[in-house]
Amino acid sequence: MSWLAALGACQLAAYWHSWRWLYGRAEELVGLLAVAAVIAGLAAGTALRQRRVFRFSLLPLMLLLLLYGLCHMLPLPPILRAAIACLSLSLTLHLATFGRPPVAAYWGMVLCALPVVPSLQFYLGYPARLLSAGLTVPLLNMNGLAVRREGTYLVWQNQMLQFDAPCSGVTMLWAGLLLTFSVAYLRAFSFWMTLQALGICAVFIICGNVLRAASLFYLQTGLWPAAPHWWHEGVGVMVFLATAAALLVALNGLRPCWRG
């Protein structure tokens, strides 16, 4: 255990700039803290049961440290360096506990736990809003509402309702990806099964966000005039919980479509 503690201390010192950057984003680290707690709990429980830690090659950690140094020489965003730091520390914990490299979902789980939502919103926010608005229109048309889309707006009876950033579903997508990677890791999905799981996640999240947007349309337009103000947040929470539950059922019943 002494060599493992020394290795951990060296990693904390080597990646100090990234730990300090993550500390500055403390308000966005709920996911990282949750994943770290789960990984640490699994590792501690396994280590106590087997009463040993495995020795492993330091080559992967040295390569990650070299890559981290190269990133410091290039004008790259600090979140990339933070990702390398978290991957290095989590890889050390996994190798010492299980003595083998983790499955692919492990890496996705760690990366999703980083403060990536602002970046996802920047790159995917507008396309996601267009997609959600485009899919919401036919759903409302099926209910007899003459709604049309203009850009990221829904137009109905001279009212224009904008699909703003929260309506893009990016936050729901992040939560769905984190849930999918967590299930895939705990069930030891292969690489190809993880890809299948991600495809299922994308479909469920898109459908859930469209259902949420269509439901909120009735609140925003006054079609439900007696609805309390808190219904807006309540609808979003209920739709997400229903989507997450359906996603869990689908992932638990997943079978490989092909062998990797």
Protein backbone atom coordinates (compact mmCIF):
# COMPACT_ATOMS: atom_id res chain seq x y z
CA MET A 1 0.00 0.00 0.00
CA SER A 2 2.92 2.33 0.62
CA TRP A 3 4.00 2.29 -3.03
CA LEU A 4 0.42 2.94 -4.13
CA ALA A 5 0.13 5.90 -1.75
CA ALA A 6 3.43 7.27 -3.05
CA LEU A 7 2.23 6.88 -6.64
CA GLY A 8 -1.01 8.68 -5.82
CA ALA A 9 0.89 11.52 -4.16
CA CYS A 10 3.10 11.87 -7.25
CA GLN A 11 0.03 12.09 -9.47
CA LEU A 12 -1.55 14.72 -7.24
CA ALA A 13 1.63 16.77 -7.51
CA ALA A 14 2.19 16.21 -11.25
CA TYR A 15 -1.34 17.25 -12.18
CA TRP A 16 -1.58 20.06 -9.67
CA HIS A 17 -2.60 22.69 -12.24
CA SER A 18 -5.57 20.57 -13.32
CA TRP A 19 -6.71 19.90 -9.76
CA ARG A 20 -6.58 23.63 -9.10
CA TRP A 21 -8.59 24.30 -12.29
CA LEU A 22 -11.21 21.73 -11.27
CA TYR A 23 -11.43 23.33 -7.83
CA GLY A 24 -12.28 26.60 -9.55
CA ARG A 25 -15.19 24.85 -11.26
CA ALA A 26 -16.49 23.38 -8.02
CA GLU A 27 -20.09 24.30 -8.78
CA GLU A 28 -20.02 21.99 -11.83
CA LEU A 29 -18.36 19.00 -10.19
CA VAL A 30 -21.40 17.20 -8.79
CA GLY A 31 -21.05 14.48 -11.41
CA LEU A 32 -17.31 14.08 -10.82
CA LEU A 33 -17.76 13.78 -7.06
CA ALA A 34 -20.54 11.22 -7.50
CA VAL A 35 -18.50 9.09 -9.91
CA ALA A 36 -15.39 9.39 -7.74
CA ALA A 37 -17.40 8.23 -4.73
CA VAL A 38 -18.77 5.22 -6.64
CA ILE A 39 -15.35 4.22 -8.01
CA ALA A 40 -13.66 4.68 -4.65
CA GLY A 41 -16.39 2.68 -2.92
CA LEU A 42 -16.12 -0.20 -5.40
CA ALA A 43 -12.34 -0.19 -5.17
CA ALA A 44 -12.32 -0.09 -1.37
CA GLY A 45 -14.88 -2.88 -1.10
CA THR A 46 -13.01 -5.08 -3.57
CA ALA A 47 -9.64 -4.43 -1.92
CA LEU A 48 -11.03 -5.32 1.51
CA ARG A 49 -12.50 -8.57 0.21
CA GLN A 50 -9.38 -9.73 -1.59
CA ARG A 51 -7.00 -8.26 1.01
CA ARG A 52 -4.46 -7.25 -1.62
CA VAL A 53 -3.63 -4.67 -4.27
CA PHE A 54 -2.15 -5.60 -7.62
CA ARG A 55 1.16 -4.35 -8.96
CA PHE A 56 1.05 -3.12 -12.54
CA SER A 57 3.17 -1.56 -15.26
CA LEU A 58 3.69 2.18 -15.01
CA LEU A 59 3.99 2.57 -18.79
CA PRO A 60 0.35 3.67 -19.39
CA LEU A 61 0.64 6.25 -16.61
CA MET A 62 3.93 7.55 -18.02
CA LEU A 63 2.35 7.91 -21.46
CA LEU A 64 -0.56 9.86 -19.98
CA LEU A 65 1.87 12.10 -18.12
CA LEU A 66 3.82 12.69 -21.34
CA LEU A 67 0.59 13.54 -23.14
CA TYR A 68 -0.31 15.92 -20.32
CA GLY A 69 3.03 17.69 -20.73
CA LEU A 70 2.49 18.02 -24.48
CA CYS A 71 -0.95 19.52 -23.87
CA HIS A 72 0.67 22.20 -21.74
CA MET A 73 2.85 23.16 -24.71
CA LEU A 74 -0.16 23.58 -27.02
CA PRO A 75 -3.01 26.10 -26.84
CA LEU A 76 -5.56 23.50 -25.76
CA PRO A 77 -8.50 24.03 -23.39
CA PRO A 78 -7.77 23.16 -19.75
CA ILE A 79 -10.58 20.60 -19.66
CA LEU A 80 -8.47 18.31 -21.87
CA ARG A 81 -5.62 18.41 -19.37
CA ALA A 82 -8.08 17.81 -16.54
CA ALA A 83 -9.43 14.81 -18.43
CA ILE A 84 -5.93 13.30 -18.68
CA ALA A 85 -5.36 13.91 -14.97
CA CYS A 86 -8.61 12.22 -13.98
CA LEU A 87 -8.04 9.33 -16.36
CA SER A 88 -4.55 8.76 -14.94
CA LEU A 89 -5.73 8.74 -11.33
CA SER A 90 -8.76 6.55 -12.04
CA LEU A 91 -6.66 4.13 -14.12
CA THR A 92 -4.24 3.77 -11.22
CA LEU A 93 -7.08 2.96 -8.85
CA HIS A 94 -8.61 0.41 -11.22
CA LEU A 95 -5.35 -1.36 -12.02
CA ALA A 96 -4.38 -1.57 -8.37
CA THR A 97 -7.79 -2.95 -7.43
CA PHE A 98 -8.53 -5.37 -10.26
CA GLY A 99 -5.15 -5.93 -11.89
CA ARG A 100 -6.50 -5.46 -15.42
CA PRO A 101 -7.40 -2.53 -17.72
CA PRO A 102 -10.98 -1.27 -17.38
CA VAL A 103 -13.69 -1.78 -19.97
CA ALA A 104 -14.40 1.04 -22.44
CA ALA A 105 -17.38 2.34 -20.45
CA TYR A 106 -15.07 3.19 -17.55
CA TRP A 107 -13.35 5.88 -19.61
CA GLY A 108 -16.67 7.32 -20.73
CA MET A 109 -17.94 7.43 -17.17
CA VAL A 110 -14.88 9.36 -15.98
CA LEU A 111 -14.98 11.79 -18.92
CA CYS A 112 -18.72 12.48 -18.48
CA ALA A 113 -18.11 13.28 -14.83
CA LEU A 114 -15.94 16.25 -15.82
CA PRO A 115 -17.56 19.70 -16.21
CA VAL A 116 -18.38 19.08 -19.89
CA VAL A 117 -21.95 20.45 -19.98
CA PRO A 118 -20.88 24.02 -21.00
CA SER A 119 -18.78 22.57 -23.85
CA LEU A 120 -21.61 20.30 -24.95
CA GLN A 121 -23.98 23.25 -24.86
CA PHE A 122 -21.61 25.30 -27.00
CA TYR A 123 -21.14 22.65 -29.69
CA LEU A 124 -24.45 20.78 -29.59
CA GLY A 125 -26.88 23.33 -28.16
CA TYR A 126 -28.11 24.93 -31.39
CA PRO A 127 -28.33 21.71 -33.47
CA ALA A 128 -30.14 20.01 -30.57
CA ARG A 129 -32.63 22.87 -30.35
CA LEU A 130 -33.31 22.65 -34.08
CA LEU A 131 -33.80 18.90 -33.86
CA SER A 132 -36.08 19.11 -30.83
CA ALA A 133 -38.16 21.90 -32.36
CA GLY A 134 -38.47 20.00 -35.63
CA LEU A 135 -39.66 16.83 -33.90
CA THR A 136 -42.01 18.64 -31.52
CA VAL A 137 -44.01 20.24 -34.36
CA PRO A 138 -45.46 17.00 -35.83
CA LEU A 139 -46.25 15.75 -32.33
CA LEU A 140 -48.28 18.88 -31.62
CA ASN A 141 -49.84 18.74 -35.09
CA MET A 142 -51.07 15.23 -34.29
CA ASN A 143 -52.90 16.76 -31.31
CA GLY A 144 -54.75 19.16 -33.61
CA LEU A 145 -52.58 22.23 -33.02
CA ALA A 146 -51.54 24.20 -36.11
CA VAL A 147 -47.96 24.75 -35.00
CA ARG A 148 -45.07 25.45 -37.33
CA ARG A 149 -41.36 25.93 -36.81
CA GLU A 150 -39.35 29.03 -37.66
CA GLY A 151 -35.73 28.43 -36.78
CA THR A 152 -35.70 27.53 -33.09
CA TYR A 153 -39.16 29.05 -32.54
CA LEU A 154 -42.56 27.40 -32.48
CA VAL A 155 -45.28 29.61 -33.96
CA TRP A 156 -48.92 29.13 -32.97
CA GLN A 157 -51.76 31.69 -33.24
CA ASN A 158 -49.32 34.59 -33.56
CA GLN A 159 -47.39 33.40 -30.52
CA MET A 160 -43.70 32.61 -30.83
CA LEU A 161 -42.13 30.28 -28.30
CA GLN A 162 -38.38 29.98 -28.37
CA PHE A 163 -36.39 26.81 -27.77
CA ASP A 164 -33.77 28.28 -25.45
CA ALA A 165 -30.65 26.58 -24.08
CA PRO A 166 -32.43 24.55 -21.35
CA CYS A 167 -34.82 23.22 -24.01
CA SER A 168 -31.96 21.80 -26.06
CA GLY A 169 -31.84 18.73 -23.85
CA VAL A 170 -28.05 18.89 -23.50
CA THR A 171 -28.20 18.52 -19.71
CA MET A 172 -30.55 15.56 -20.10
CA LEU A 173 -28.13 14.10 -22.66
CA TRP A 174 -25.21 14.45 -20.25
CA ALA A 175 -27.16 12.73 -17.47
CA GLY A 176 -28.26 9.98 -19.86
CA LEU A 177 -24.70 9.37 -21.05
CA LEU A 178 -23.40 9.22 -17.49
CA LEU A 179 -26.15 6.75 -16.57
CA THR A 180 -25.45 4.65 -19.68
CA PHE A 181 -21.70 4.49 -19.09
CA SER A 182 -22.27 3.62 -15.43
CA VAL A 183 -24.59 0.72 -16.27
CA ALA A 184 -22.24 -0.45 -19.04
CA TYR A 185 -19.31 -0.45 -16.61
CA LEU A 186 -21.13 -2.23 -13.81
CA ARG A 187 -22.36 -4.89 -16.25
CA ALA A 188 -18.96 -5.12 -17.97
CA PHE A 189 -20.30 -4.39 -21.46
CA SER A 190 -17.92 -5.00 -24.33
CA PHE A 191 -16.88 -2.12 -26.59
CA TRP A 192 -19.57 -2.98 -29.16
CA MET A 193 -22.27 -3.39 -26.54
CA THR A 194 -21.30 0.01 -25.14
CA LEU A 195 -21.78 1.52 -28.60
CA GLN A 196 -25.21 -0.12 -28.81
CA ALA A 197 -26.05 1.28 -25.38
CA LEU A 198 -25.02 4.78 -26.48
CA GLY A 199 -27.30 4.53 -29.52
CA ILE A 200 -30.20 3.48 -27.32
CA CYS A 201 -29.41 6.35 -24.95
CA ALA A 202 -29.46 8.91 -27.79
CA VAL A 203 -32.88 7.70 -29.00
CA PHE A 204 -34.40 7.74 -25.51
CA ILE A 205 -33.01 11.18 -24.67
CA ILE A 206 -34.27 12.70 -27.93
CA CYS A 207 -37.73 11.21 -27.42
CA GLY A 208 -37.77 12.33 -23.79
CA ASN A 209 -36.77 15.88 -24.65
CA VAL A 210 -39.40 16.11 -27.40
CA LEU A 211 -42.06 14.85 -24.98
CA ARG A 212 -40.92 17.41 -22.42
CA ALA A 213 -41.02 20.24 -24.96
CA ALA A 214 -44.49 19.25 -26.19
CA SER A 215 -45.77 19.12 -22.61
CA LEU A 216 -44.31 22.52 -21.76
CA PHE A 217 -45.94 23.97 -24.89
CA TYR A 218 -49.33 23.64 -23.22
CA LEU A 219 -48.06 25.50 -20.16
CA GLN A 220 -46.29 28.29 -22.04
CA THR A 221 -49.23 29.04 -24.34
CA GLY A 222 -51.81 29.08 -21.57
CA LEU A 223 -53.70 26.05 -22.85
CA TRP A 224 -53.58 24.92 -19.23
CA PRO A 225 -54.35 28.31 -17.64
CA ALA A 226 -54.73 27.01 -14.10
CA ALA A 227 -51.34 25.29 -14.01
CA PRO A 228 -49.15 26.41 -11.06
CA HIS A 229 -45.79 27.99 -11.84
CA TRP A 230 -43.84 25.04 -10.41
CA TRP A 231 -45.35 22.73 -13.02
CA HIS A 232 -42.68 23.92 -15.49
CA GLU A 233 -39.88 22.42 -13.41
CA GLY A 234 -42.06 19.52 -12.30
CA VAL A 235 -42.77 18.42 -15.87
CA GLY A 236 -39.06 18.44 -16.69
CA VAL A 237 -38.21 16.35 -13.62
CA MET A 238 -40.99 13.82 -14.24
CA VAL A 239 -40.11 13.39 -17.91
CA PHE A 240 -36.44 12.90 -17.07
CA LEU A 241 -37.22 10.32 -14.37
CA ALA A 242 -39.51 8.44 -16.76
CA THR A 243 -36.85 8.58 -19.50
CA ALA A 244 -34.12 7.38 -17.12
CA ALA A 245 -36.31 4.51 -15.90
CA ALA A 246 -37.12 3.41 -19.46
CA LEU A 247 -33.43 3.69 -20.39
CA LEU A 248 -32.44 1.49 -17.44
CA VAL A 249 -34.96 -1.16 -18.48
CA ALA A 250 -33.66 -1.08 -22.06
CA LEU A 251 -30.02 -1.30 -20.99
CA ASN A 252 -30.66 -4.16 -18.59
CA GLY A 253 -32.26 -6.12 -21.42
CA LEU A 254 -29.52 -5.31 -23.91
CA ARG A 255 -28.05 -8.21 -25.86
CA PRO A 256 -25.13 -7.90 -28.28
CA CYS A 257 -26.19 -7.52 -31.93
CA TRP A 258 -22.72 -8.61 -33.02
CA ARG A 259 -19.63 -9.88 -31.32
CA GLY A 260 -16.62 -7.61 -30.78
